[in-house]
N, C-alpha and C. Protein backbone atom coordinates (compact mmCIF):
# COMPACT_ATOMS: atom_id res chain seq x y z
N MET A 1 -20.11 80.01 -18.40
CA MET A 1 -18.67 79.95 -18.23
C MET A 1 -18.07 81.28 -18.71
N THR A 2 -17.21 81.87 -17.92
CA THR A 2 -16.61 83.13 -18.30
C THR A 2 -15.36 82.89 -19.14
N ASP A 3 -14.99 83.88 -19.95
CA ASP A 3 -13.82 83.78 -20.81
C ASP A 3 -12.67 84.51 -20.13
N ARG A 4 -12.00 83.82 -19.22
CA ARG A 4 -10.90 84.42 -18.46
C ARG A 4 -9.57 84.03 -19.07
N GLN A 5 -8.62 84.94 -18.95
CA GLN A 5 -7.25 84.63 -19.37
C GLN A 5 -6.57 83.84 -18.26
N PRO A 6 -5.83 82.77 -18.60
CA PRO A 6 -5.11 82.04 -17.55
C PRO A 6 -4.06 82.94 -16.92
N ARG A 7 -3.92 82.82 -15.62
CA ARG A 7 -2.96 83.67 -14.92
C ARG A 7 -1.70 82.92 -14.51
N ASP A 8 -1.82 81.66 -14.22
CA ASP A 8 -0.69 80.92 -13.70
C ASP A 8 -0.09 80.02 -14.76
N LEU A 9 1.23 79.87 -14.68
CA LEU A 9 1.93 78.92 -15.53
C LEU A 9 1.83 77.56 -14.87
N PHE A 10 1.98 76.49 -15.65
CA PHE A 10 1.99 75.17 -15.03
C PHE A 10 3.28 75.00 -14.24
N PRO A 11 3.29 74.11 -13.25
CA PRO A 11 4.47 73.94 -12.41
C PRO A 11 5.72 73.62 -13.24
N GLY A 12 6.78 74.36 -12.98
CA GLY A 12 8.05 74.14 -13.67
C GLY A 12 8.24 74.97 -14.93
N ALA A 13 7.19 75.62 -15.41
CA ALA A 13 7.30 76.40 -16.66
C ALA A 13 8.25 77.58 -16.49
N LEU A 14 8.12 78.31 -15.40
CA LEU A 14 8.97 79.47 -15.19
C LEU A 14 10.43 79.05 -15.10
N GLU A 15 10.70 78.00 -14.33
CA GLU A 15 12.07 77.52 -14.19
C GLU A 15 12.64 77.10 -15.54
N MET A 16 11.82 76.43 -16.35
CA MET A 16 12.26 76.00 -17.67
C MET A 16 12.61 77.22 -18.54
N MET A 17 11.79 78.26 -18.50
CA MET A 17 12.05 79.45 -19.29
C MET A 17 13.29 80.19 -18.79
N ILE A 18 13.49 80.22 -17.48
CA ILE A 18 14.68 80.86 -16.92
C ILE A 18 15.92 80.12 -17.40
N LEU A 19 15.92 78.79 -17.26
CA LEU A 19 17.09 78.00 -17.66
C LEU A 19 17.36 78.14 -19.15
N ARG A 20 16.31 78.12 -19.96
CA ARG A 20 16.50 78.24 -21.42
C ARG A 20 17.08 79.61 -21.77
N THR A 21 16.61 80.64 -21.10
CA THR A 21 17.11 82.00 -21.35
C THR A 21 18.58 82.10 -20.93
N LEU A 22 18.91 81.52 -19.79
CA LEU A 22 20.29 81.59 -19.31
C LEU A 22 21.23 80.71 -20.13
N LYS A 23 20.69 79.77 -20.86
CA LYS A 23 21.52 78.94 -21.74
C LYS A 23 22.17 79.82 -22.81
N ALA A 24 21.47 80.85 -23.25
CA ALA A 24 22.00 81.76 -24.27
C ALA A 24 23.09 82.67 -23.69
N ARG A 25 22.83 83.19 -22.48
CA ARG A 25 23.82 84.09 -21.85
C ARG A 25 23.42 84.39 -20.41
N PRO A 26 24.39 84.70 -19.56
CA PRO A 26 24.09 85.10 -18.18
C PRO A 26 23.33 86.42 -18.17
N LEU A 27 22.38 86.55 -17.24
CA LEU A 27 21.58 87.76 -17.12
C LEU A 27 21.23 88.02 -15.66
N HIS A 28 20.86 89.26 -15.38
CA HIS A 28 20.32 89.58 -14.06
C HIS A 28 18.80 89.46 -14.11
N GLY A 29 18.16 89.50 -12.96
CA GLY A 29 16.73 89.23 -12.86
C GLY A 29 15.86 90.08 -13.75
N TYR A 30 16.06 91.39 -13.74
CA TYR A 30 15.22 92.27 -14.56
C TYR A 30 15.38 91.95 -16.04
N ALA A 31 16.60 91.66 -16.47
CA ALA A 31 16.84 91.32 -17.88
C ALA A 31 16.15 90.00 -18.23
N LEU A 32 16.11 89.06 -17.29
CA LEU A 32 15.38 87.80 -17.52
C LEU A 32 13.90 88.07 -17.76
N VAL A 33 13.30 88.89 -16.91
CA VAL A 33 11.89 89.23 -17.04
C VAL A 33 11.62 89.89 -18.39
N GLN A 34 12.47 90.83 -18.76
CA GLN A 34 12.29 91.54 -20.03
C GLN A 34 12.44 90.60 -21.22
N HIS A 35 13.40 89.68 -21.16
CA HIS A 35 13.58 88.73 -22.26
C HIS A 35 12.35 87.83 -22.42
N ILE A 36 11.85 87.30 -21.33
CA ILE A 36 10.66 86.43 -21.39
C ILE A 36 9.47 87.20 -21.94
N LYS A 37 9.31 88.43 -21.51
CA LYS A 37 8.21 89.27 -21.99
C LYS A 37 8.33 89.49 -23.50
N ARG A 38 9.52 89.88 -23.96
CA ARG A 38 9.72 90.14 -25.39
C ARG A 38 9.59 88.87 -26.22
N ALA A 39 10.20 87.78 -25.75
CA ALA A 39 10.18 86.52 -26.50
C ALA A 39 8.77 85.96 -26.64
N SER A 40 7.91 86.27 -25.67
CA SER A 40 6.52 85.78 -25.72
C SER A 40 5.57 86.79 -26.38
N ASP A 41 6.13 87.83 -27.00
CA ASP A 41 5.31 88.90 -27.58
C ASP A 41 4.34 89.47 -26.55
N ASP A 42 4.83 89.69 -25.36
CA ASP A 42 4.08 90.28 -24.24
C ASP A 42 2.94 89.40 -23.72
N LEU A 43 2.91 88.13 -24.09
CA LEU A 43 1.87 87.24 -23.57
C LEU A 43 2.19 86.82 -22.14
N LEU A 44 3.47 86.76 -21.80
CA LEU A 44 3.88 86.35 -20.46
C LEU A 44 4.54 87.53 -19.76
N GLN A 45 4.04 87.83 -18.59
CA GLN A 45 4.63 88.89 -17.78
C GLN A 45 4.93 88.30 -16.41
N ILE A 46 6.19 88.13 -16.14
CA ILE A 46 6.63 87.50 -14.91
C ILE A 46 6.81 88.56 -13.83
N GLU A 47 6.21 88.32 -12.70
CA GLU A 47 6.31 89.25 -11.56
C GLU A 47 7.55 88.90 -10.73
N GLU A 48 8.11 89.91 -10.08
CA GLU A 48 9.26 89.68 -9.21
C GLU A 48 8.95 88.67 -8.13
N GLY A 49 7.70 88.67 -7.65
CA GLY A 49 7.28 87.75 -6.60
C GLY A 49 7.31 86.29 -7.05
N SER A 50 7.36 86.05 -8.35
CA SER A 50 7.49 84.70 -8.89
C SER A 50 8.93 84.42 -9.32
N LEU A 51 9.56 85.43 -9.93
CA LEU A 51 10.91 85.24 -10.48
C LEU A 51 11.94 84.92 -9.41
N TYR A 52 12.03 85.75 -8.39
CA TYR A 52 13.11 85.58 -7.43
C TYR A 52 13.00 84.30 -6.59
N PRO A 53 11.82 83.88 -6.18
CA PRO A 53 11.73 82.56 -5.53
C PRO A 53 12.16 81.42 -6.46
N ALA A 54 11.82 81.53 -7.75
CA ALA A 54 12.23 80.51 -8.72
C ALA A 54 13.74 80.50 -8.86
N LEU A 55 14.35 81.68 -8.93
CA LEU A 55 15.82 81.75 -9.01
C LEU A 55 16.47 81.17 -7.76
N GLN A 56 15.89 81.43 -6.60
CA GLN A 56 16.42 80.87 -5.36
C GLN A 56 16.35 79.35 -5.36
N ARG A 57 15.23 78.80 -5.86
CA ARG A 57 15.11 77.34 -5.95
C ARG A 57 16.18 76.78 -6.89
N LEU A 58 16.38 77.45 -8.02
CA LEU A 58 17.37 76.98 -8.99
C LEU A 58 18.79 77.10 -8.43
N LEU A 59 19.06 78.12 -7.65
CA LEU A 59 20.36 78.25 -6.99
C LEU A 59 20.57 77.11 -6.01
N LYS A 60 19.55 76.85 -5.21
CA LYS A 60 19.61 75.80 -4.19
C LYS A 60 19.83 74.42 -4.82
N GLU A 61 19.20 74.19 -5.99
CA GLU A 61 19.33 72.91 -6.69
C GLU A 61 20.62 72.80 -7.49
N GLY A 62 21.39 73.90 -7.57
CA GLY A 62 22.65 73.88 -8.32
C GLY A 62 22.47 74.01 -9.83
N CYS A 63 21.30 74.44 -10.25
CA CYS A 63 21.03 74.62 -11.69
C CYS A 63 21.58 75.93 -12.22
N VAL A 64 21.69 76.91 -11.34
CA VAL A 64 22.28 78.20 -11.71
C VAL A 64 23.24 78.61 -10.61
N LYS A 65 24.15 79.51 -10.97
CA LYS A 65 24.99 80.15 -9.97
C LYS A 65 24.88 81.65 -10.18
N ALA A 66 25.21 82.41 -9.17
CA ALA A 66 25.05 83.87 -9.25
C ALA A 66 26.33 84.55 -8.80
N GLU A 67 26.62 85.65 -9.48
CA GLU A 67 27.76 86.49 -9.13
C GLU A 67 27.29 87.93 -9.14
N TRP A 68 27.92 88.75 -8.33
CA TRP A 68 27.58 90.17 -8.34
C TRP A 68 28.26 90.83 -9.52
N GLY A 69 27.52 91.75 -10.14
CA GLY A 69 28.05 92.49 -11.28
C GLY A 69 27.40 93.86 -11.34
N ILE A 70 27.68 94.57 -12.43
CA ILE A 70 27.14 95.91 -12.64
C ILE A 70 26.27 95.88 -13.89
N SER A 71 25.06 96.42 -13.77
CA SER A 71 24.12 96.46 -14.90
C SER A 71 24.50 97.58 -15.87
N SER A 72 23.80 97.63 -16.99
CA SER A 72 24.04 98.69 -17.99
C SER A 72 23.66 100.07 -17.45
N THR A 73 22.85 100.08 -16.38
CA THR A 73 22.48 101.36 -15.76
C THR A 73 23.36 101.65 -14.53
N ASN A 74 24.48 100.94 -14.45
CA ASN A 74 25.48 101.14 -13.41
C ASN A 74 24.97 100.81 -12.00
N ARG A 75 24.11 99.79 -11.92
CA ARG A 75 23.61 99.32 -10.62
C ARG A 75 24.23 97.98 -10.30
N ARG A 76 24.38 97.71 -9.02
CA ARG A 76 24.89 96.41 -8.57
C ARG A 76 23.77 95.39 -8.68
N VAL A 77 24.02 94.29 -9.42
CA VAL A 77 23.00 93.27 -9.65
C VAL A 77 23.61 91.89 -9.52
N ARG A 78 22.75 90.92 -9.25
CA ARG A 78 23.18 89.51 -9.27
C ARG A 78 22.99 89.00 -10.69
N ILE A 79 24.04 88.47 -11.25
CA ILE A 79 23.99 87.94 -12.60
C ILE A 79 23.97 86.41 -12.48
N TYR A 80 22.98 85.81 -13.11
CA TYR A 80 22.75 84.36 -13.02
C TYR A 80 23.30 83.66 -14.24
N LYS A 81 23.96 82.51 -14.00
CA LYS A 81 24.54 81.70 -15.07
C LYS A 81 24.04 80.27 -14.95
N LEU A 82 23.84 79.65 -16.08
CA LEU A 82 23.43 78.24 -16.12
C LEU A 82 24.64 77.37 -15.78
N THR A 83 24.44 76.36 -14.95
CA THR A 83 25.50 75.40 -14.63
C THR A 83 25.34 74.17 -15.53
N PRO A 84 26.36 73.32 -15.60
CA PRO A 84 26.20 72.06 -16.35
C PRO A 84 25.03 71.22 -15.82
N ALA A 85 24.84 71.19 -14.52
CA ALA A 85 23.70 70.46 -13.94
C ALA A 85 22.39 71.10 -14.38
N GLY A 86 22.36 72.43 -14.49
CA GLY A 86 21.17 73.13 -14.95
C GLY A 86 20.85 72.82 -16.40
N ALA A 87 21.89 72.68 -17.22
CA ALA A 87 21.69 72.35 -18.63
C ALA A 87 21.08 70.95 -18.77
N LYS A 88 21.55 70.01 -17.96
CA LYS A 88 20.99 68.65 -17.99
C LYS A 88 19.55 68.66 -17.50
N HIS A 89 19.30 69.40 -16.43
CA HIS A 89 17.94 69.52 -15.89
C HIS A 89 17.00 70.10 -16.95
N LEU A 90 17.48 71.13 -17.66
CA LEU A 90 16.67 71.75 -18.71
C LEU A 90 16.33 70.74 -19.80
N GLU A 91 17.30 69.94 -20.22
CA GLU A 91 17.04 68.92 -21.25
C GLU A 91 15.93 67.97 -20.82
N ARG A 92 16.02 67.50 -19.56
CA ARG A 92 15.00 66.57 -19.05
C ARG A 92 13.63 67.23 -18.99
N GLN A 93 13.59 68.47 -18.51
CA GLN A 93 12.33 69.18 -18.38
C GLN A 93 11.68 69.44 -19.74
N VAL A 94 12.49 69.84 -20.71
CA VAL A 94 11.95 70.12 -22.05
C VAL A 94 11.42 68.83 -22.67
N SER A 95 12.15 67.74 -22.51
CA SER A 95 11.70 66.46 -23.05
C SER A 95 10.37 66.04 -22.43
N SER A 96 10.27 66.17 -21.13
CA SER A 96 9.04 65.83 -20.42
C SER A 96 7.89 66.73 -20.87
N PHE A 97 8.17 68.02 -21.02
CA PHE A 97 7.15 68.97 -21.47
C PHE A 97 6.68 68.64 -22.88
N GLU A 98 7.62 68.32 -23.76
CA GLU A 98 7.24 67.98 -25.14
C GLU A 98 6.36 66.73 -25.19
N GLN A 99 6.64 65.75 -24.34
CA GLN A 99 5.80 64.55 -24.29
C GLN A 99 4.41 64.89 -23.79
N MET A 100 4.33 65.72 -22.75
CA MET A 100 3.04 66.13 -22.21
C MET A 100 2.26 66.91 -23.27
N LEU A 101 2.93 67.82 -23.95
CA LEU A 101 2.28 68.62 -24.99
C LEU A 101 1.76 67.74 -26.12
N GLU A 102 2.52 66.73 -26.49
CA GLU A 102 2.08 65.80 -27.53
C GLU A 102 0.81 65.06 -27.10
N GLY A 103 0.79 64.62 -25.85
CA GLY A 103 -0.40 63.94 -25.33
C GLY A 103 -1.61 64.85 -25.32
N ILE A 104 -1.43 66.09 -24.90
CA ILE A 104 -2.54 67.05 -24.88
C ILE A 104 -3.03 67.30 -26.31
N ALA A 105 -2.09 67.47 -27.24
CA ALA A 105 -2.47 67.71 -28.64
C ALA A 105 -3.29 66.54 -29.20
N ARG A 106 -2.93 65.33 -28.82
CA ARG A 106 -3.69 64.16 -29.29
C ARG A 106 -5.11 64.14 -28.75
N VAL A 107 -5.26 64.53 -27.49
CA VAL A 107 -6.59 64.56 -26.88
C VAL A 107 -7.43 65.67 -27.51
N LEU A 108 -6.82 66.78 -27.83
CA LEU A 108 -7.56 67.93 -28.38
C LEU A 108 -7.79 67.83 -29.89
N ALA A 109 -7.10 66.91 -30.55
CA ALA A 109 -7.23 66.78 -32.00
C ALA A 109 -8.65 66.36 -32.36
N PRO A 110 -9.13 66.81 -33.55
CA PRO A 110 -10.47 66.40 -33.98
C PRO A 110 -10.57 64.89 -34.08
N VAL A 111 -11.72 64.36 -33.71
CA VAL A 111 -11.96 62.91 -33.76
C VAL A 111 -12.12 62.51 -35.22
N LYS A 112 -11.39 61.46 -35.61
CA LYS A 112 -11.50 60.95 -37.00
C LYS A 112 -12.67 59.99 -37.07
N SER A 113 -13.49 60.15 -38.13
CA SER A 113 -14.64 59.25 -38.23
C SER A 113 -14.41 58.16 -39.24
C-alpha cells in the first residue's frame, strides 16, 4: 500500500468552507482561496476549477449572492455574500458533518478490553 496524500475533499466540504468563510465577511473568489489556504496552514489548496463551480452551485441554490466590486488591486471582481438561506444551510451541513465525524471517531477509537 502506498502512502499517498488525499487529493479530494468529501462531497460538500468545499461548499461548507466557502459558506463559513463568507459568514465572517463578503469576499471575492481569490480572497476565498487564500483564506482557506491560510486557515488550513496550507494543508488545503483549492483550485479555481473547483472553487468557481462550487460558487455557481451556491448562487443557484440561493446560499450566496454576488455583486460586482473592485479588489484591493483595483480589478473588477465578483464579491460573494452569504444569504440568510445560506446561513441556515451552513448550520445544517456543519451539524451533519459533526455527527459523521463523531461516528468516524468512534470507529477509529482504540478497542476497550
